[in-house]
Amino acid sequence: IISFFASILAVTLFLSTGFITILNLQKVEMVKEQLSSYNLLISTYMEEDNIQDLKKFDTMADSLRITLISKEGYVLYDSIETLSGENLSDREEFIQAKEKGWGSYVGTSKTTGDNRIYYATLLENGTVLRSSVVSSAIQIGSGVNGYILGILVIVAVISYFLAYRISKYLMEPIKEMSYATERIAKGE
C-alpha cells in the first residue's frame, strides 16, 4: 500500500511540476511576442530617435520599461531613468538584435536586480529599441499552488483506497490458503 501510494503521489507531483513549467514557458513566449508588438508600435510612432515621442509611452503600462540604445550601445533614453548614458553593448538582447534584427533575454536585471523579460528590436537607423517587463508578474506557479495541493489531497485519498482495495484483493486468496494449510496441519 505504501509503495503504491508513494508512487502515485510522486507521479502526480512530477506531472504538476512539468505542467507549471510548460505553462510558464508558454507565458514567457507570449510576453516576448507582446513586447515585440510594443516595439513595433513605438518604432512606427517614433520619428528619428525623438526622445519626446518615447516619453509619451511612459504611461502605457506601469511595468513596461522602454530603453533606446545607440548603435554603440549607449543608453539614449530609459523610461525609469536609471540607465542614462550607460553602455549596454554587452547585454545579450542588444547583441542578438544587432546580429539578427531582434533579441530577447529572460533573467536578472544588472541595474535593478529584479527578474525581467527583455525584447530588443534593431531600428532602421541602427539604434536598438528595448522593452521589458518584470517576469515575476507573469509567473503562473504561485497562483496554482492551492489547486495543486487540493489535487494532491484528492489523489492521495483515491490512491490510498485504491491501494487498499488492490492489496485486499491480492491478499484474500493468500489468507484462504494459509487458513486451509493450518487446518490441514491440524489434521482436518
N, C-alpha and C. Protein backbone atom coordinates (compact mmCIF):
# COMPACT_ATOMS: atom_id res chain seq x y z
N ILE A 1 0.84 -1.20 0.00
CA ILE A 1 0.00 0.00 0.00
C ILE A 1 0.87 1.25 0.00
N ILE A 2 1.91 1.26 0.83
CA ILE A 2 2.76 2.45 0.96
C ILE A 2 3.50 2.72 -0.34
N SER A 3 4.06 1.69 -0.97
CA SER A 3 4.82 1.91 -2.21
C SER A 3 3.89 2.36 -3.34
N PHE A 4 2.71 1.79 -3.43
CA PHE A 4 1.74 2.20 -4.45
C PHE A 4 1.32 3.65 -4.21
N PHE A 5 1.02 3.95 -2.97
CA PHE A 5 0.60 5.30 -2.57
C PHE A 5 1.71 6.31 -2.88
N ALA A 6 2.95 5.98 -2.53
CA ALA A 6 4.09 6.89 -2.77
C ALA A 6 4.33 7.09 -4.27
N SER A 7 4.21 6.04 -5.05
CA SER A 7 4.46 6.17 -6.49
C SER A 7 3.38 7.03 -7.15
N ILE A 8 2.13 6.90 -6.72
CA ILE A 8 1.06 7.74 -7.27
C ILE A 8 1.32 9.21 -6.93
N LEU A 9 1.70 9.50 -5.69
CA LEU A 9 1.98 10.89 -5.30
C LEU A 9 3.19 11.44 -6.05
N ALA A 10 4.23 10.62 -6.23
CA ALA A 10 5.43 11.08 -6.95
C ALA A 10 5.09 11.41 -8.40
N VAL A 11 4.30 10.57 -9.05
CA VAL A 11 3.91 10.82 -10.44
C VAL A 11 3.06 12.09 -10.52
N THR A 12 2.15 12.27 -9.57
CA THR A 12 1.31 13.46 -9.56
C THR A 12 2.14 14.73 -9.39
N LEU A 13 3.10 14.70 -8.46
CA LEU A 13 3.98 15.86 -8.27
C LEU A 13 4.81 16.14 -9.51
N PHE A 14 5.34 15.10 -10.12
CA PHE A 14 6.14 15.25 -11.34
C PHE A 14 5.32 15.87 -12.46
N LEU A 15 4.12 15.36 -12.67
CA LEU A 15 3.26 15.90 -13.74
C LEU A 15 2.83 17.33 -13.44
N SER A 16 2.54 17.64 -12.19
CA SER A 16 2.14 19.01 -11.82
C SER A 16 3.29 19.99 -12.06
N THR A 17 4.48 19.61 -11.66
CA THR A 17 5.65 20.46 -11.87
C THR A 17 5.92 20.67 -13.35
N GLY A 18 5.83 19.61 -14.13
CA GLY A 18 6.02 19.72 -15.58
C GLY A 18 4.97 20.61 -16.22
N PHE A 19 3.73 20.48 -15.77
CA PHE A 19 2.64 21.29 -16.29
C PHE A 19 2.89 22.77 -16.01
N ILE A 20 3.28 23.10 -14.80
CA ILE A 20 3.54 24.50 -14.43
C ILE A 20 4.72 25.05 -15.23
N THR A 21 5.76 24.26 -15.41
CA THR A 21 6.93 24.69 -16.17
C THR A 21 6.56 24.99 -17.62
N ILE A 22 5.78 24.11 -18.22
CA ILE A 22 5.36 24.33 -19.61
C ILE A 22 4.48 25.57 -19.72
N LEU A 23 3.56 25.76 -18.78
CA LEU A 23 2.71 26.95 -18.80
C LEU A 23 3.55 28.23 -18.67
N ASN A 24 4.54 28.21 -17.78
CA ASN A 24 5.40 29.38 -17.61
C ASN A 24 6.19 29.68 -18.88
N LEU A 25 6.72 28.66 -19.53
CA LEU A 25 7.47 28.86 -20.77
C LEU A 25 6.58 29.43 -21.86
N GLN A 26 5.35 28.93 -21.96
CA GLN A 26 4.42 29.47 -22.94
C GLN A 26 4.07 30.92 -22.62
N LYS A 27 3.91 31.23 -21.35
CA LYS A 27 3.58 32.60 -20.95
C LYS A 27 4.74 33.54 -21.29
N VAL A 28 5.98 33.10 -21.06
CA VAL A 28 7.14 33.93 -21.40
C VAL A 28 7.17 34.20 -22.90
N GLU A 29 6.89 33.18 -23.72
CA GLU A 29 6.87 33.38 -25.17
C GLU A 29 5.77 34.36 -25.58
N MET A 30 4.63 34.29 -24.92
CA MET A 30 3.54 35.23 -25.22
C MET A 30 3.95 36.65 -24.85
N VAL A 31 4.65 36.82 -23.73
CA VAL A 31 5.10 38.14 -23.31
C VAL A 31 6.14 38.68 -24.30
N LYS A 32 7.03 37.81 -24.78
CA LYS A 32 8.02 38.25 -25.78
C LYS A 32 7.32 38.74 -27.04
N GLU A 33 6.28 38.04 -27.48
CA GLU A 33 5.53 38.47 -28.65
C GLU A 33 4.85 39.81 -28.40
N GLN A 34 4.33 39.99 -27.20
CA GLN A 34 3.68 41.25 -26.85
C GLN A 34 4.71 42.39 -26.83
N LEU A 35 5.89 42.13 -26.27
CA LEU A 35 6.94 43.15 -26.25
C LEU A 35 7.39 43.48 -27.67
N SER A 36 7.44 42.48 -28.53
CA SER A 36 7.78 42.71 -29.93
C SER A 36 6.74 43.64 -30.58
N SER A 37 5.48 43.42 -30.26
CA SER A 37 4.41 44.29 -30.79
C SER A 37 4.54 45.71 -30.26
N TYR A 38 4.87 45.83 -28.96
CA TYR A 38 5.10 47.16 -28.39
C TYR A 38 6.23 47.87 -29.11
N ASN A 39 7.32 47.15 -29.36
CA ASN A 39 8.47 47.75 -30.04
C ASN A 39 8.08 48.22 -31.45
N LEU A 40 7.30 47.40 -32.13
CA LEU A 40 6.85 47.78 -33.47
C LEU A 40 5.96 49.03 -33.41
N LEU A 41 5.05 49.05 -32.47
CA LEU A 41 4.17 50.20 -32.31
C LEU A 41 4.97 51.47 -31.99
N ILE A 42 5.89 51.35 -31.04
CA ILE A 42 6.68 52.51 -30.62
C ILE A 42 7.57 52.99 -31.76
N SER A 43 8.24 52.06 -32.45
CA SER A 43 9.15 52.46 -33.54
C SER A 43 8.39 53.08 -34.71
N THR A 44 7.17 52.63 -34.93
CA THR A 44 6.36 53.21 -36.00
C THR A 44 5.95 54.63 -35.65
N TYR A 45 5.63 54.84 -34.39
CA TYR A 45 5.16 56.15 -33.94
C TYR A 45 6.31 57.15 -33.77
N MET A 46 7.49 56.62 -33.44
CA MET A 46 8.64 57.47 -33.13
C MET A 46 9.25 58.04 -34.41
N GLU A 47 9.60 59.29 -34.37
CA GLU A 47 10.23 59.94 -35.53
C GLU A 47 11.71 60.18 -35.25
N GLU A 48 12.57 59.52 -36.01
CA GLU A 48 14.02 59.78 -35.97
C GLU A 48 14.59 59.96 -34.57
N ASP A 49 14.46 58.96 -33.75
CA ASP A 49 15.03 58.97 -32.39
C ASP A 49 14.57 60.14 -31.54
N ASN A 50 13.39 60.63 -31.78
CA ASN A 50 12.88 61.74 -30.97
C ASN A 50 12.48 61.19 -29.60
N ILE A 51 13.25 61.54 -28.61
CA ILE A 51 13.04 61.02 -27.26
C ILE A 51 11.73 61.54 -26.68
N GLN A 52 11.29 62.69 -27.10
CA GLN A 52 10.00 63.20 -26.62
C GLN A 52 8.86 62.26 -27.03
N ASP A 53 9.00 61.63 -28.22
CA ASP A 53 8.00 60.66 -28.64
C ASP A 53 7.97 59.44 -27.70
N LEU A 54 9.15 59.03 -27.25
CA LEU A 54 9.22 57.89 -26.33
C LEU A 54 8.58 58.19 -24.99
N LYS A 55 8.71 59.42 -24.52
CA LYS A 55 8.15 59.79 -23.22
C LYS A 55 6.63 59.65 -23.19
N LYS A 56 6.00 59.73 -24.35
CA LYS A 56 4.56 59.56 -24.42
C LYS A 56 4.14 58.13 -24.06
N PHE A 57 5.06 57.17 -24.22
CA PHE A 57 4.75 55.78 -23.93
C PHE A 57 5.04 55.39 -22.49
N ASP A 58 5.58 56.31 -21.70
CA ASP A 58 5.91 56.00 -20.30
C ASP A 58 4.69 55.57 -19.50
N THR A 59 3.57 56.13 -19.81
CA THR A 59 2.35 55.82 -19.06
C THR A 59 1.58 54.65 -19.66
N MET A 60 2.15 54.04 -20.68
CA MET A 60 1.46 52.94 -21.37
C MET A 60 1.17 51.77 -20.43
N ALA A 61 2.12 51.44 -19.60
CA ALA A 61 1.93 50.38 -18.61
C ALA A 61 2.92 50.61 -17.49
N ASP A 62 2.47 50.39 -16.27
CA ASP A 62 3.35 50.63 -15.13
C ASP A 62 4.58 49.72 -15.14
N SER A 63 4.40 48.49 -15.57
CA SER A 63 5.51 47.55 -15.52
C SER A 63 6.36 47.55 -16.78
N LEU A 64 5.94 48.24 -17.83
CA LEU A 64 6.69 48.27 -19.09
C LEU A 64 7.83 49.28 -18.99
N ARG A 65 9.01 48.83 -19.34
CA ARG A 65 10.19 49.69 -19.34
C ARG A 65 10.68 49.80 -20.77
N ILE A 66 10.94 51.01 -21.23
CA ILE A 66 11.39 51.26 -22.59
C ILE A 66 12.78 51.87 -22.55
N THR A 67 13.68 51.34 -23.37
CA THR A 67 15.05 51.85 -23.44
C THR A 67 15.44 52.00 -24.91
N LEU A 68 16.00 53.15 -25.25
CA LEU A 68 16.53 53.37 -26.59
C LEU A 68 18.05 53.36 -26.47
N ILE A 69 18.70 52.52 -27.28
CA ILE A 69 20.15 52.32 -27.18
C ILE A 69 20.79 52.72 -28.51
N SER A 70 21.88 53.47 -28.43
CA SER A 70 22.57 53.91 -29.64
C SER A 70 23.25 52.73 -30.33
N LYS A 71 23.77 52.97 -31.54
CA LYS A 71 24.47 51.94 -32.30
C LYS A 71 25.64 51.35 -31.52
N GLU A 72 26.29 52.20 -30.73
CA GLU A 72 27.46 51.79 -29.97
C GLU A 72 27.10 51.14 -28.63
N GLY A 73 25.83 51.21 -28.25
CA GLY A 73 25.40 50.56 -27.01
C GLY A 73 25.11 51.52 -25.87
N TYR A 74 25.20 52.82 -26.10
CA TYR A 74 24.94 53.79 -25.03
C TYR A 74 23.45 54.09 -24.93
N VAL A 75 22.97 54.22 -23.70
CA VAL A 75 21.56 54.49 -23.47
C VAL A 75 21.25 55.94 -23.83
N LEU A 76 20.32 56.10 -24.77
CA LEU A 76 19.86 57.43 -25.17
C LEU A 76 18.63 57.83 -24.34
N TYR A 77 17.84 56.82 -23.98
CA TYR A 77 16.62 57.07 -23.21
C TYR A 77 16.27 55.81 -22.43
N ASP A 78 15.83 56.01 -21.19
CA ASP A 78 15.34 54.90 -20.37
C ASP A 78 14.14 55.40 -19.59
N SER A 79 13.02 54.68 -19.67
CA SER A 79 11.78 55.18 -19.08
C SER A 79 11.82 55.27 -17.55
N ILE A 80 12.70 54.50 -16.91
CA ILE A 80 12.82 54.67 -15.46
C ILE A 80 14.08 55.44 -15.08
N GLU A 81 14.77 55.92 -16.08
CA GLU A 81 15.89 56.86 -15.94
C GLU A 81 17.01 56.39 -15.01
N THR A 82 17.25 55.10 -14.95
CA THR A 82 18.38 54.61 -14.15
C THR A 82 19.58 54.30 -15.02
N LEU A 83 19.42 54.31 -16.32
CA LEU A 83 20.50 53.89 -17.22
C LEU A 83 21.07 55.02 -18.07
N SER A 84 20.71 56.25 -17.85
CA SER A 84 21.15 57.35 -18.71
C SER A 84 22.66 57.33 -18.93
N GLY A 85 23.04 57.21 -20.21
CA GLY A 85 24.44 57.25 -20.59
C GLY A 85 25.21 55.96 -20.39
N GLU A 86 24.62 54.95 -19.78
CA GLU A 86 25.31 53.70 -19.52
C GLU A 86 25.49 52.91 -20.82
N ASN A 87 26.54 52.10 -20.90
CA ASN A 87 26.80 51.30 -22.09
C ASN A 87 26.22 49.90 -21.88
N LEU A 88 25.33 49.49 -22.79
CA LEU A 88 24.67 48.18 -22.71
C LEU A 88 25.09 47.26 -23.85
N SER A 89 26.24 47.55 -24.45
CA SER A 89 26.66 46.76 -25.61
C SER A 89 26.99 45.31 -25.25
N ASP A 90 27.15 45.00 -23.97
CA ASP A 90 27.44 43.63 -23.57
C ASP A 90 26.20 42.82 -23.21
N ARG A 91 25.03 43.44 -23.28
CA ARG A 91 23.78 42.76 -22.92
C ARG A 91 23.36 41.83 -24.05
N GLU A 92 22.90 40.67 -23.67
CA GLU A 92 22.58 39.61 -24.62
C GLU A 92 21.53 40.03 -25.65
N GLU A 93 20.47 40.69 -25.20
CA GLU A 93 19.42 41.09 -26.13
C GLU A 93 19.91 42.13 -27.13
N PHE A 94 20.83 43.01 -26.71
CA PHE A 94 21.40 44.02 -27.60
C PHE A 94 22.26 43.34 -28.67
N ILE A 95 23.10 42.41 -28.26
CA ILE A 95 23.98 41.69 -29.18
C ILE A 95 23.15 40.93 -30.21
N GLN A 96 22.11 40.22 -29.76
CA GLN A 96 21.25 39.47 -30.68
C GLN A 96 20.54 40.41 -31.66
N ALA A 97 20.06 41.54 -31.15
CA ALA A 97 19.36 42.50 -32.03
C ALA A 97 20.29 43.04 -33.11
N LYS A 98 21.53 43.31 -32.76
CA LYS A 98 22.49 43.81 -33.75
C LYS A 98 22.80 42.74 -34.79
N GLU A 99 22.81 41.46 -34.38
CA GLU A 99 23.15 40.37 -35.30
C GLU A 99 21.98 39.95 -36.19
N LYS A 100 20.79 39.80 -35.62
CA LYS A 100 19.68 39.24 -36.40
C LYS A 100 18.43 40.11 -36.46
N GLY A 101 18.49 41.32 -35.93
CA GLY A 101 17.36 42.23 -36.02
C GLY A 101 16.46 42.26 -34.80
N TRP A 102 16.55 41.25 -33.98
CA TRP A 102 15.78 41.20 -32.74
C TRP A 102 16.52 40.32 -31.75
N GLY A 103 16.23 40.51 -30.49
CA GLY A 103 16.87 39.68 -29.46
C GLY A 103 16.02 39.68 -28.21
N SER A 104 16.18 38.63 -27.43
CA SER A 104 15.42 38.55 -26.18
C SER A 104 16.30 37.94 -25.09
N TYR A 105 15.93 38.23 -23.87
CA TYR A 105 16.67 37.72 -22.72
C TYR A 105 15.70 37.65 -21.55
N VAL A 106 15.76 36.55 -20.81
CA VAL A 106 14.97 36.40 -19.59
C VAL A 106 15.97 36.16 -18.46
N GLY A 107 15.98 37.06 -17.50
CA GLY A 107 16.92 36.91 -16.39
C GLY A 107 16.91 38.11 -15.47
N THR A 108 17.91 38.15 -14.61
CA THR A 108 18.01 39.21 -13.62
C THR A 108 18.61 40.47 -14.23
N SER A 109 17.98 41.59 -13.98
CA SER A 109 18.48 42.87 -14.46
C SER A 109 19.74 43.25 -13.69
N LYS A 110 20.78 43.64 -14.42
CA LYS A 110 22.03 44.06 -13.77
C LYS A 110 21.86 45.40 -13.08
N THR A 111 20.86 46.17 -13.50
CA THR A 111 20.65 47.51 -12.95
C THR A 111 19.71 47.50 -11.75
N THR A 112 18.54 46.89 -11.91
CA THR A 112 17.53 46.94 -10.85
C THR A 112 17.53 45.71 -9.95
N GLY A 113 18.09 44.61 -10.43
CA GLY A 113 18.15 43.39 -9.62
C GLY A 113 16.90 42.53 -9.66
N ASP A 114 15.86 42.97 -10.37
CA ASP A 114 14.66 42.16 -10.47
C ASP A 114 14.70 41.29 -11.72
N ASN A 115 13.89 40.24 -11.73
CA ASN A 115 13.82 39.35 -12.90
C ASN A 115 12.95 39.99 -13.96
N ARG A 116 13.48 40.06 -15.18
CA ARG A 116 12.77 40.74 -16.27
C ARG A 116 12.82 39.90 -17.54
N ILE A 117 11.87 40.20 -18.42
CA ILE A 117 11.86 39.65 -19.77
C ILE A 117 12.14 40.83 -20.70
N TYR A 118 13.22 40.72 -21.47
CA TYR A 118 13.64 41.79 -22.38
C TYR A 118 13.37 41.38 -23.81
N TYR A 119 13.01 42.37 -24.62
CA TYR A 119 12.90 42.16 -26.06
C TYR A 119 13.47 43.40 -26.74
N ALA A 120 14.44 43.19 -27.63
CA ALA A 120 15.11 44.30 -28.31
C ALA A 120 14.89 44.18 -29.82
N THR A 121 14.68 45.34 -30.45
CA THR A 121 14.45 45.39 -31.90
C THR A 121 15.42 46.39 -32.52
N LEU A 122 16.11 45.96 -33.58
CA LEU A 122 17.01 46.84 -34.31
C LEU A 122 16.19 47.74 -35.21
N LEU A 123 16.37 49.06 -35.07
CA LEU A 123 15.65 50.02 -35.89
C LEU A 123 16.43 50.29 -37.18
N GLU A 124 15.80 50.90 -38.15
CA GLU A 124 16.42 51.14 -39.46
C GLU A 124 17.69 51.98 -39.37
N ASN A 125 17.74 52.90 -38.42
CA ASN A 125 18.92 53.77 -38.31
C ASN A 125 20.05 53.15 -37.47
N GLY A 126 19.89 51.90 -37.04
CA GLY A 126 20.95 51.21 -36.30
C GLY A 126 20.80 51.26 -34.79
N THR A 127 19.91 52.10 -34.29
CA THR A 127 19.67 52.11 -32.85
C THR A 127 18.82 50.90 -32.48
N VAL A 128 18.80 50.58 -31.19
CA VAL A 128 18.06 49.42 -30.71
C VAL A 128 17.01 49.90 -29.71
N LEU A 129 15.78 49.49 -29.95
CA LEU A 129 14.69 49.79 -29.04
C LEU A 129 14.44 48.54 -28.21
N ARG A 130 14.52 48.71 -26.89
CA ARG A 130 14.36 47.58 -25.98
C ARG A 130 13.20 47.85 -25.04
N SER A 131 12.35 46.85 -24.86
CA SER A 131 11.27 46.95 -23.88
C SER A 131 11.37 45.74 -22.96
N SER A 132 10.88 45.93 -21.74
CA SER A 132 10.94 44.82 -20.78
C SER A 132 9.83 44.95 -19.75
N VAL A 133 9.51 43.80 -19.14
CA VAL A 133 8.57 43.74 -18.03
C VAL A 133 9.15 42.86 -16.94
N VAL A 134 8.68 43.07 -15.74
CA VAL A 134 9.12 42.24 -14.62
C VAL A 134 8.52 40.85 -14.80
N SER A 135 9.36 39.82 -14.75
CA SER A 135 8.86 38.47 -15.04
C SER A 135 8.08 37.87 -13.88
N SER A 136 8.29 38.33 -12.67
CA SER A 136 7.54 37.75 -11.55
C SER A 136 6.05 38.06 -11.68
N ALA A 137 5.70 39.09 -12.41
CA ALA A 137 4.28 39.44 -12.61
C ALA A 137 3.57 38.43 -13.49
N ILE A 138 4.32 37.63 -14.25
CA ILE A 138 3.66 36.68 -15.16
C ILE A 138 3.86 35.24 -14.74
N GLN A 139 4.55 34.96 -13.66
CA GLN A 139 4.76 33.59 -13.24
C GLN A 139 3.45 32.96 -12.81
N ILE A 140 3.21 31.75 -13.25
CA ILE A 140 1.95 31.08 -13.00
C ILE A 140 2.00 30.25 -11.72
N GLY A 141 3.13 29.71 -11.38
CA GLY A 141 3.24 28.76 -10.27
C GLY A 141 2.62 29.21 -8.97
N SER A 142 2.82 30.47 -8.59
CA SER A 142 2.31 30.92 -7.30
C SER A 142 0.79 30.93 -7.24
N GLY A 143 0.13 31.12 -8.35
CA GLY A 143 -1.33 31.19 -8.36
C GLY A 143 -2.02 29.84 -8.32
N VAL A 144 -1.31 28.78 -8.71
CA VAL A 144 -1.96 27.48 -8.77
C VAL A 144 -1.52 26.54 -7.65
N ASN A 145 -0.72 27.00 -6.72
CA ASN A 145 -0.27 26.14 -5.64
C ASN A 145 -1.44 25.57 -4.83
N GLY A 146 -2.46 26.38 -4.57
CA GLY A 146 -3.63 25.90 -3.83
C GLY A 146 -4.36 24.81 -4.58
N TYR A 147 -4.49 24.98 -5.90
CA TYR A 147 -5.15 23.96 -6.71
C TYR A 147 -4.35 22.65 -6.70
N ILE A 148 -3.04 22.78 -6.81
CA ILE A 148 -2.20 21.58 -6.82
C ILE A 148 -2.29 20.86 -5.48
N LEU A 149 -2.29 21.61 -4.39
CA LEU A 149 -2.41 21.00 -3.07
C LEU A 149 -3.75 20.27 -2.97
N GLY A 150 -4.83 20.89 -3.44
CA GLY A 150 -6.14 20.24 -3.42
C GLY A 150 -6.15 18.97 -4.24
N ILE A 151 -5.56 19.03 -5.43
CA ILE A 151 -5.48 17.85 -6.29
C ILE A 151 -4.66 16.75 -5.62
N LEU A 152 -3.56 17.13 -4.98
CA LEU A 152 -2.73 16.13 -4.29
C LEU A 152 -3.51 15.44 -3.18
N VAL A 153 -4.31 16.19 -2.43
CA VAL A 153 -5.11 15.59 -1.35
C VAL A 153 -6.13 14.61 -1.94
N ILE A 154 -6.81 15.02 -3.01
CA ILE A 154 -7.79 14.15 -3.65
C ILE A 154 -7.12 12.89 -4.20
N VAL A 155 -5.98 13.08 -4.88
CA VAL A 155 -5.24 11.93 -5.43
C VAL A 155 -4.76 11.02 -4.31
N ALA A 156 -4.31 11.60 -3.20
CA ALA A 156 -3.84 10.80 -2.07
C ALA A 156 -4.96 9.94 -1.50
N VAL A 157 -6.13 10.52 -1.32
CA VAL A 157 -7.26 9.77 -0.77
C VAL A 157 -7.68 8.65 -1.73
N ILE A 158 -7.82 8.99 -3.02
CA ILE A 158 -8.23 7.99 -4.00
C ILE A 158 -7.19 6.89 -4.13
N SER A 159 -5.90 7.28 -4.17
CA SER A 159 -4.85 6.26 -4.33
C SER A 159 -4.75 5.37 -3.09
N TYR A 160 -5.00 5.93 -1.90
CA TYR A 160 -4.97 5.09 -0.69
C TYR A 160 -6.07 4.04 -0.75
N PHE A 161 -7.31 4.46 -1.07
CA PHE A 161 -8.41 3.49 -1.15
C PHE A 161 -8.20 2.50 -2.27
N LEU A 162 -7.65 2.94 -3.38
CA LEU A 162 -7.36 2.04 -4.48
C LEU A 162 -6.28 1.03 -4.08
N ALA A 163 -5.23 1.51 -3.43
CA ALA A 163 -4.16 0.60 -2.97
C ALA A 163 -4.70 -0.39 -1.94
N TYR A 164 -5.57 0.08 -1.06
CA TYR A 164 -6.16 -0.79 -0.05
C TYR A 164 -6.99 -1.89 -0.70
N ARG A 165 -7.82 -1.51 -1.70
CA ARG A 165 -8.67 -2.48 -2.38
C ARG A 165 -7.83 -3.50 -3.16
N ILE A 166 -6.81 -3.03 -3.84
CA ILE A 166 -5.96 -3.94 -4.61
C ILE A 166 -5.23 -4.91 -3.68
N SER A 167 -4.67 -4.40 -2.59
CA SER A 167 -3.95 -5.28 -1.67
C SER A 167 -4.90 -6.28 -1.01
N LYS A 168 -6.10 -5.85 -0.69
CA LYS A 168 -7.10 -6.77 -0.11
C LYS A 168 -7.45 -7.85 -1.11
N TYR A 169 -7.63 -7.45 -2.37
CA TYR A 169 -7.96 -8.40 -3.43
C TYR A 169 -6.83 -9.42 -3.61
N LEU A 170 -5.58 -8.96 -3.56
CA LEU A 170 -4.44 -9.86 -3.73
C LEU A 170 -4.19 -10.74 -2.50
N MET A 171 -4.48 -10.20 -1.33
CA MET A 171 -4.19 -10.93 -0.10
C MET A 171 -5.27 -11.95 0.26
N GLU A 172 -6.47 -11.79 -0.22
CA GLU A 172 -7.59 -12.69 0.14
C GLU A 172 -7.28 -14.15 -0.21
N PRO A 173 -6.84 -14.47 -1.44
CA PRO A 173 -6.52 -15.88 -1.73
C PRO A 173 -5.37 -16.42 -0.88
N ILE A 174 -4.40 -15.55 -0.56
CA ILE A 174 -3.27 -15.99 0.26
C ILE A 174 -3.75 -16.31 1.68
N LYS A 175 -4.64 -15.49 2.20
CA LYS A 175 -5.20 -15.75 3.53
C LYS A 175 -5.99 -17.06 3.55
N GLU A 176 -6.79 -17.31 2.48
CA GLU A 176 -7.56 -18.55 2.40
C GLU A 176 -6.65 -19.77 2.34
N MET A 177 -5.55 -19.65 1.58
CA MET A 177 -4.59 -20.77 1.50
C MET A 177 -3.92 -20.98 2.84
N SER A 178 -3.59 -19.90 3.53
CA SER A 178 -2.96 -20.01 4.84
C SER A 178 -3.90 -20.68 5.83
N TYR A 179 -5.17 -20.30 5.79
CA TYR A 179 -6.17 -20.90 6.68
C TYR A 179 -6.32 -22.39 6.38
N ALA A 180 -6.39 -22.72 5.09
CA ALA A 180 -6.52 -24.13 4.69
C ALA A 180 -5.29 -24.93 5.10
N THR A 181 -4.10 -24.34 4.97
CA THR A 181 -2.88 -25.03 5.36
C THR A 181 -2.86 -25.28 6.87
N GLU A 182 -3.30 -24.34 7.66
CA GLU A 182 -3.37 -24.51 9.11
C GLU A 182 -4.32 -25.66 9.47
N ARG A 183 -5.47 -25.71 8.80
CA ARG A 183 -6.43 -26.77 9.06
C ARG A 183 -5.88 -28.14 8.69
N ILE A 184 -5.15 -28.20 7.57
CA ILE A 184 -4.55 -29.47 7.13
C ILE A 184 -3.49 -29.89 8.14
N ALA A 185 -2.70 -28.92 8.65
CA ALA A 185 -1.64 -29.22 9.63
C ALA A 185 -2.25 -29.75 10.93
N LYS A 186 -3.45 -29.32 11.24
CA LYS A 186 -4.13 -29.79 12.46
C LYS A 186 -4.77 -31.17 12.24
N GLY A 187 -4.76 -31.64 11.01
CA GLY A 187 -5.27 -32.95 10.71
C GLY A 187 -6.67 -32.97 10.17
N GLU A 188 -7.24 -31.82 9.92
CA GLU A 188 -8.60 -31.76 9.37
C GLU A 188 -8.59 -32.12 7.90
